[in-house]
PDB file of N, CA and C in Angstrom:
ATOM      1  N   UNK A   1      32.561 -23.625  31.204  1.00  0.00           N
ATOM      2  CA  UNK A   1      31.262 -23.961  30.625  1.00  0.00           C
ATOM      3  C   UNK A   1      30.288 -22.798  30.841  1.00  0.00           C
ATOM      4  N   UNK A   2      30.306 -22.211  32.034  1.00  0.00           N
ATOM      5  CA  UNK A   2      29.418 -21.084  32.329  1.00  0.00           C
ATOM      6  C   UNK A   2      29.696 -19.916  31.378  1.00  0.00           C
ATOM      7  N   UNK A   3      30.974 -19.648  31.118  1.00  0.00           N
ATOM      8  CA  UNK A   3      31.351 -18.562  30.208  1.00  0.00           C
ATOM      9  C   UNK A   3      30.873 -18.857  28.795  1.00  0.00           C
ATOM     10  N   UNK A   4      31.029 -20.077  28.353  1.00  0.00           N
ATOM     11  CA  UNK A   4      30.587 -20.473  27.015  1.00  0.00           C
ATOM     12  C   UNK A   4      29.073 -20.333  26.884  1.00  0.00           C
ATOM     13  N   UNK A   5      28.328 -20.752  27.882  1.00  0.00           N
ATOM     14  CA  UNK A   5      26.866 -20.608  27.849  1.00  0.00           C
ATOM     15  C   UNK A   5      26.462 -19.137  27.832  1.00  0.00           C
ATOM     16  N   UNK A   6      27.165 -18.289  28.584  1.00  0.00           N
ATOM     17  CA  UNK A   6      26.857 -16.861  28.596  1.00  0.00           C
ATOM     18  C   UNK A   6      27.136 -16.239  27.235  1.00  0.00           C
ATOM     19  N   UNK A   7      28.248 -16.641  26.588  1.00  0.00           N
ATOM     20  CA  UNK A   7      28.571 -16.130  25.258  1.00  0.00           C
ATOM     21  C   UNK A   7      27.525 -16.557  24.237  1.00  0.00           C
ATOM     22  N   UNK A   8      27.072 -17.791  24.338  1.00  0.00           N
ATOM     23  CA  UNK A   8      26.035 -18.285  23.418  1.00  0.00           C
ATOM     24  C   UNK A   8      24.735 -17.515  23.634  1.00  0.00           C
ATOM     25  N   UNK A   9      24.395 -17.256  24.899  1.00  0.00           N
ATOM     26  CA  UNK A   9      23.179 -16.502  25.207  1.00  0.00           C
ATOM     27  C   UNK A   9      23.288 -15.074  24.660  1.00  0.00           C
ATOM     28  N   UNK A  10      24.443 -14.447  24.809  1.00  0.00           N
ATOM     29  CA  UNK A  10      24.656 -13.091  24.296  1.00  0.00           C
ATOM     30  C   UNK A  10      24.522 -13.052  22.774  1.00  0.00           C
ATOM     31  N   UNK A  11      25.114 -14.023  22.093  1.00  0.00           N
ATOM     32  CA  UNK A  11      25.024 -14.080  20.632  1.00  0.00           C
ATOM     33  C   UNK A  11      23.579 -14.313  20.191  1.00  0.00           C
ATOM     34  N   UNK A  12      22.889 -15.193  20.887  1.00  0.00           N
ATOM     35  CA  UNK A  12      21.493 -15.457  20.561  1.00  0.00           C
ATOM     36  C   UNK A  12      20.657 -14.192  20.745  1.00  0.00           C
ATOM     37  N   UNK A  13      20.891 -13.469  21.824  1.00  0.00           N
ATOM     38  CA  UNK A  13      20.140 -12.233  22.090  1.00  0.00           C
ATOM     39  C   UNK A  13      20.432 -11.186  21.021  1.00  0.00           C
ATOM     40  N   UNK A  14      21.691 -11.063  20.630  1.00  0.00           N
ATOM     41  CA  UNK A  14      22.074 -10.108  19.587  1.00  0.00           C
ATOM     42  C   UNK A  14      21.389 -10.448  18.265  1.00  0.00           C
ATOM     43  N   UNK A  15      21.410 -11.712  17.897  1.00  0.00           N
ATOM     44  CA  UNK A  15      20.769 -12.132  16.645  1.00  0.00           C
ATOM     45  C   UNK A  15      19.267 -11.912  16.717  1.00  0.00           C
ATOM     46  N   UNK A  16      18.681 -12.217  17.839  1.00  0.00           N
ATOM     47  CA  UNK A  16      17.242 -12.033  18.022  1.00  0.00           C
ATOM     48  C   UNK A  16      16.865 -10.555  17.886  1.00  0.00           C
ATOM     49  N   UNK A  17      17.653  -9.684  18.515  1.00  0.00           N
ATOM     50  CA  UNK A  17      17.399  -8.243  18.419  1.00  0.00           C
ATOM     51  C   UNK A  17      17.524  -7.752  16.980  1.00  0.00           C
ATOM     52  N   UNK A  18      18.513  -8.262  16.247  1.00  0.00           N
ATOM     53  CA  UNK A  18      18.692  -7.861  14.852  1.00  0.00           C
ATOM     54  C   UNK A  18      17.508  -8.297  13.998  1.00  0.00           C
ATOM     55  N   UNK A  19      17.028  -9.505  14.222  1.00  0.00           N
ATOM     56  CA  UNK A  19      15.882 -10.017  13.448  1.00  0.00           C
ATOM     57  C   UNK A  19      14.643  -9.183  13.736  1.00  0.00           C
ATOM     58  N   UNK A  20      14.409  -8.892  14.995  1.00  0.00           N
ATOM     59  CA  UNK A  20      13.238  -8.080  15.364  1.00  0.00           C
ATOM     60  C   UNK A  20      13.359  -6.687  14.751  1.00  0.00           C
ATOM     61  N   UNK A  21      14.545  -6.098  14.824  1.00  0.00           N
ATOM     62  CA  UNK A  21      14.766  -4.769  14.239  1.00  0.00           C
ATOM     63  C   UNK A  21      14.518  -4.760  12.750  1.00  0.00           C
ATOM     64  N   UNK A  22      14.986  -5.774  12.050  1.00  0.00           N
ATOM     65  CA  UNK A  22      14.773  -5.852  10.600  1.00  0.00           C
ATOM     66  C   UNK A  22      13.296  -6.018  10.280  1.00  0.00           C
ATOM     67  N   UNK A  23      12.595  -6.822  11.066  1.00  0.00           N
ATOM     68  CA  UNK A  23      11.165  -7.026  10.825  1.00  0.00           C
ATOM     69  C   UNK A  23      10.384  -5.739  11.036  1.00  0.00           C
ATOM     70  N   UNK A  24      10.770  -4.969  12.064  1.00  0.00           N
ATOM     71  CA  UNK A  24      10.088  -3.704  12.315  1.00  0.00           C
ATOM     72  C   UNK A  24      10.339  -2.740  11.162  1.00  0.00           C
ATOM     73  N   UNK A  25      11.586  -2.641  10.702  1.00  0.00           N
ATOM     74  CA  UNK A  25      11.893  -1.762   9.569  1.00  0.00           C
ATOM     75  C   UNK A  25      11.151  -2.205   8.315  1.00  0.00           C
ATOM     76  N   UNK A  26      11.099  -3.519   8.074  1.00  0.00           N
ATOM     77  CA  UNK A  26      10.386  -4.048   6.911  1.00  0.00           C
ATOM     78  C   UNK A  26       8.907  -3.694   6.992  1.00  0.00           C
ATOM     79  N   UNK A  27       8.319  -3.829   8.196  1.00  0.00           N
ATOM     80  CA  UNK A  27       6.901  -3.526   8.377  1.00  0.00           C
ATOM     81  C   UNK A  27       6.616  -2.062   8.059  1.00  0.00           C
ATOM     82  N   UNK A  28       7.443  -1.151   8.582  1.00  0.00           N
ATOM     83  CA  UNK A  28       7.218   0.271   8.331  1.00  0.00           C
ATOM     84  C   UNK A  28       7.407   0.612   6.857  1.00  0.00           C
ATOM     85  N   UNK A  29       8.385  -0.008   6.208  1.00  0.00           N
ATOM     86  CA  UNK A  29       8.594   0.227   4.784  1.00  0.00           C
ATOM     87  C   UNK A  29       7.394  -0.279   3.985  1.00  0.00           C
ATOM     88  N   UNK A  30       6.898  -1.465   4.329  1.00  0.00           N
ATOM     89  CA  UNK A  30       5.743  -2.030   3.647  1.00  0.00           C
ATOM     90  C   UNK A  30       4.512  -1.161   3.860  1.00  0.00           C
ATOM     91  N   UNK A  31       4.318  -0.701   5.096  1.00  0.00           N
ATOM     92  CA  UNK A  31       3.173   0.149   5.399  1.00  0.00           C
ATOM     93  C   UNK A  31       3.230   1.443   4.587  1.00  0.00           C
ATOM     94  N   UNK A  32       4.421   2.020   4.472  1.00  0.00           N
ATOM     95  CA  UNK A  32       4.603   3.243   3.693  1.00  0.00           C
ATOM     96  C   UNK A  32       4.295   2.999   2.216  1.00  0.00           C
ATOM     97  N   UNK A  33       4.757   1.867   1.686  1.00  0.00           N
ATOM     98  CA  UNK A  33       4.503   1.545   0.279  1.00  0.00           C
ATOM     99  C   UNK A  33       3.019   1.298   0.030  1.00  0.00           C
ATOM    100  N   UNK A  34       2.332   0.683   0.984  1.00  0.00           N
ATOM    101  CA  UNK A  34       0.894   0.453   0.824  1.00  0.00           C
ATOM    102  C   UNK A  34       0.122   1.770   0.857  1.00  0.00           C
ATOM    103  N   UNK A  35       0.527   2.696   1.745  1.00  0.00           N
ATOM    104  CA  UNK A  35      -0.105   4.012   1.787  1.00  0.00           C
ATOM    105  C   UNK A  35       0.094   4.745   0.464  1.00  0.00           C
ATOM    106  N   UNK A  36       1.310   4.661  -0.075  1.00  0.00           N
ATOM    107  CA  UNK A  36       1.621   5.301  -1.353  1.00  0.00           C
ATOM    108  C   UNK A  36       0.772   4.704  -2.473  1.00  0.00           C
ATOM    109  N   UNK A  37       0.646   3.375  -2.476  1.00  0.00           N
ATOM    110  CA  UNK A  37      -0.150   2.705  -3.501  1.00  0.00           C
ATOM    111  C   UNK A  37      -1.622   3.101  -3.379  1.00  0.00           C
ATOM    112  N   UNK A  38      -2.109   3.223  -2.165  1.00  0.00           N
ATOM    113  CA  UNK A  38      -3.499   3.626  -1.943  1.00  0.00           C
ATOM    114  C   UNK A  38      -3.747   5.027  -2.498  1.00  0.00           C
ATOM    115  N   UNK A  39      -2.799   5.937  -2.261  1.00  0.00           N
ATOM    116  CA  UNK A  39      -2.928   7.301  -2.797  1.00  0.00           C
ATOM    117  C   UNK A  39      -2.920   7.285  -4.320  1.00  0.00           C
ATOM    118  N   UNK A  40      -2.070   6.462  -4.904  1.00  0.00           N
ATOM    119  CA  UNK A  40      -2.013   6.381  -6.367  1.00  0.00           C
ATOM    120  C   UNK A  40      -3.314   5.840  -6.937  1.00  0.00           C
ATOM    121  N   UNK A  41      -3.895   4.856  -6.281  1.00  0.00           N
ATOM    122  CA  UNK A  41      -5.167   4.299  -6.746  1.00  0.00           C
ATOM    123  C   UNK A  41      -6.264   5.347  -6.647  1.00  0.00           C
ATOM    124  N   UNK A  42      -6.290   6.106  -5.530  1.00  0.00           N
ATOM    125  CA  UNK A  42      -7.280   7.173  -5.383  1.00  0.00           C
ATOM    126  C   UNK A  42      -7.130   8.202  -6.503  1.00  0.00           C
ATOM    127  N   UNK A  43      -5.872   8.588  -6.789  1.00  0.00           N
ATOM    128  CA  UNK A  43      -5.627   9.545  -7.877  1.00  0.00           C
ATOM    129  C   UNK A  43      -6.075   8.987  -9.224  1.00  0.00           C
ATOM    130  N   UNK A  44      -5.795   7.714  -9.464  1.00  0.00           N
ATOM    131  CA  UNK A  44      -6.191   7.081 -10.717  1.00  0.00           C
ATOM    132  C   UNK A  44      -7.707   7.073 -10.867  1.00  0.00           C
ATOM    133  N   UNK A  45      -8.424   6.721  -9.785  1.00  0.00           N
ATOM    134  CA  UNK A  45      -9.888   6.712  -9.840  1.00  0.00           C
ATOM    135  C   UNK A  45     -10.428   8.105 -10.129  1.00  0.00           C
ATOM    136  N   UNK A  46      -9.831   9.134  -9.503  1.00  0.00           N
ATOM    137  CA  UNK A  46     -10.275  10.505  -9.752  1.00  0.00           C
ATOM    138  C   UNK A  46     -10.009  10.898 -11.199  1.00  0.00           C
ATOM    139  N   UNK A  47      -8.833  10.557 -11.714  1.00  0.00           N
ATOM    140  CA  UNK A  47      -8.509  10.883 -13.104  1.00  0.00           C
ATOM    141  C   UNK A  47      -9.445  10.187 -14.079  1.00  0.00           C
ATOM    142  N   UNK A  48      -9.788   8.943 -13.805  1.00  0.00           N
ATOM    143  CA  UNK A  48     -10.732   8.215 -14.675  1.00  0.00           C
ATOM    144  C   UNK A  48     -12.093   8.886 -14.645  1.00  0.00           C
ATOM    145  N   UNK A  49     -12.554   9.271 -13.454  1.00  0.00           N
ATOM    146  CA  UNK A  49     -13.844   9.952 -13.341  1.00  0.00           C
ATOM    147  C   UNK A  49     -13.816  11.274 -14.094  1.00  0.00           C
ATOM    148  N   UNK A  50     -12.708  12.019 -13.978  1.00  0.00           N
ATOM    149  CA  UNK A  50     -12.586  13.290 -14.707  1.00  0.00           C
ATOM    150  C   UNK A  50     -12.616  13.062 -16.213  1.00  0.00           C
ATOM    151  N   UNK A  51     -11.898  12.045 -16.685  1.00  0.00           N
ATOM    152  CA  UNK A  51     -11.891  11.744 -18.119  1.00  0.00           C
ATOM    153  C   UNK A  51     -13.274  11.336 -18.608  1.00  0.00           C
ATOM    154  N   UNK A  52     -13.973  10.560 -17.786  1.00  0.00           N
ATOM    155  CA  UNK A  52     -15.326  10.141 -18.178  1.00  0.00           C
ATOM    156  C   UNK A  52     -16.244  11.353 -18.269  1.00  0.00           C
ATOM    157  N   UNK A  53     -16.092  12.286 -17.348  1.00  0.00           N
ATOM    158  CA  UNK A  53     -16.903  13.506 -17.378  1.00  0.00           C
ATOM    159  C   UNK A  53     -16.587  14.317 -18.632  1.00  0.00           C
ATOM    160  N   UNK A  54     -15.288  14.455 -18.927  1.00  0.00           N
ATOM    161  CA  UNK A  54     -14.887  15.197 -20.122  1.00  0.00           C
ATOM    162  C   UNK A  54     -15.381  14.529 -21.400  1.00  0.00           C
ATOM    163  N   UNK A  55     -15.463  13.202 -21.399  1.00  0.00           N
ATOM    164  CA  UNK A  55     -15.905  12.473 -22.592  1.00  0.00           C
ATOM    165  C   UNK A  55     -17.424  12.428 -22.701  1.00  0.00           C
ATOM    166  N   UNK A  56     -18.118  12.921 -21.682  1.00  0.00           N
ATOM    167  CA  UNK A  56     -19.572  12.932 -21.717  1.00  0.00           C
ATOM    168  C   UNK A  56     -20.194  11.610 -21.347  1.00  0.00           C
ATOM    169  N   UNK A  57     -19.504  10.826 -20.561  1.00  0.00           N
ATOM    170  CA  UNK A  57     -20.036   9.543 -20.121  1.00  0.00           C
ATOM    171  C   UNK A  57     -20.704   9.744 -18.774  1.00  0.00           C
ATOM    172  N   UNK A  58     -21.933   9.258 -18.656  1.00  0.00           N
ATOM    173  CA  UNK A  58     -22.668   9.352 -17.394  1.00  0.00           C
ATOM    174  C   UNK A  58     -22.872   7.957 -16.833  1.00  0.00           C
ATOM    175  N   UNK A  59     -22.886   7.869 -15.518  1.00  0.00           N
ATOM    176  CA  UNK A  59     -23.125   6.577 -14.867  1.00  0.00           C
ATOM    177  C   UNK A  59     -24.617   6.435 -14.601  1.00  0.00           C
ATOM    178  N   UNK A  60     -25.174   5.328 -15.060  1.00  0.00           N
ATOM    179  CA  UNK A  60     -26.592   5.048 -14.840  1.00  0.00           C
ATOM    180  C   UNK A  60     -26.748   3.703 -14.153  1.00  0.00           C
ATOM    181  N   UNK A  61     -27.536   3.661 -13.134  1.00  0.00           N
ATOM    182  CA  UNK A  61     -27.851   2.424 -12.425  1.00  0.00           C
ATOM    183  C   UNK A  61     -26.610   1.599 -12.114  1.00  0.00           C
ATOM    184  N   UNK A  62     -25.772   2.119 -11.276  1.00  0.00           N
ATOM    185  CA  UNK A  62     -24.613   1.358 -10.810  1.00  0.00           C
ATOM    186  C   UNK A  62     -23.530   1.240 -11.843  1.00  0.00           C
ATOM    187  N   UNK A  63     -23.303   0.031 -12.347  1.00  0.00           N
ATOM    188  CA  UNK A  63     -22.172  -0.247 -13.229  1.00  0.00           C
ATOM    189  C   UNK A  63     -22.448   0.060 -14.700  1.00  0.00           C
ATOM    190  N   UNK A  64     -23.707   0.212 -15.101  1.00  0.00           N
ATOM    191  CA  UNK A  64     -24.019   0.466 -16.517  1.00  0.00           C
ATOM    192  C   UNK A  64     -23.646   1.883 -16.877  1.00  0.00           C
ATOM    193  N   UNK A  65     -22.847   2.032 -17.913  1.00  0.00           N
ATOM    194  CA  UNK A  65     -22.424   3.349 -18.336  1.00  0.00           C
ATOM    195  C   UNK A  65     -22.797   3.536 -19.808  1.00  0.00           C
ATOM    196  N   UNK A  66     -23.258   4.739 -20.136  1.00  0.00           N
ATOM    197  CA  UNK A  66     -23.674   5.015 -21.488  1.00  0.00           C
ATOM    198  C   UNK A  66     -23.255   6.434 -21.856  1.00  0.00           C
ATOM    199  N   UNK A  67     -22.941   6.686 -23.109  1.00  0.00           N
ATOM    200  CA  UNK A  67     -22.575   8.048 -23.493  1.00  0.00           C
ATOM    201  C   UNK A  67     -23.739   9.007 -23.310  1.00  0.00           C
ATOM    202  N   UNK A  68     -23.432  10.204 -22.916  1.00  0.00           N
ATOM    203  CA  UNK A  68     -24.477  11.218 -22.754  1.00  0.00           C
ATOM    204  C   UNK A  68     -24.908  11.696 -24.126  1.00  0.00           C
ATOM    205  N   UNK A  69     -26.164  12.031 -24.248  1.00  0.00           N
ATOM    206  CA  UNK A  69     -26.659  12.536 -25.529  1.00  0.00           C
ATOM    207  C   UNK A  69     -26.457  14.031 -25.572  1.00  0.00           C
ATOM    208  N   UNK A  70     -25.989  14.502 -26.712  1.00  0.00           N
ATOM    209  CA  UNK A  70     -25.786  15.934 -26.886  1.00  0.00           C
ATOM    210  C   UNK A  70     -27.085  16.550 -27.377  1.00  0.00           C
ATOM    211  N   UNK A  71     -27.545  17.596 -26.686  1.00  0.00           N
ATOM    212  CA  UNK A  71     -28.751  18.311 -27.092  1.00  0.00           C
ATOM    213  C   UNK A  71     -28.333  19.529 -27.890  1.00  0.00           C
ATOM    214  N   UNK A  72     -28.748  19.589 -29.160  1.00  0.00           N
ATOM    215  CA  UNK A  72     -28.358  20.723 -30.016  1.00  0.00           C
ATOM    216  C   UNK A  72     -29.543  21.528 -30.397  1.00  0.00           C
TER     217      UNK A  72
END
């Protein structure tokens, strides 16, 4: 009986270690993907701002945007 209980404890510990290891790997993978997504969003915001500048759109009073007037 003692041997059987020790074997069960060993198997439980092994499974527990595997679950913890998988969770840690999943966390790091998720963190890496979130960092990547954050960089992509930053790049997208910069590209949108650049396009708006090229199109002559100016930001006025927060969210209101209007085309810039061309002075000729």
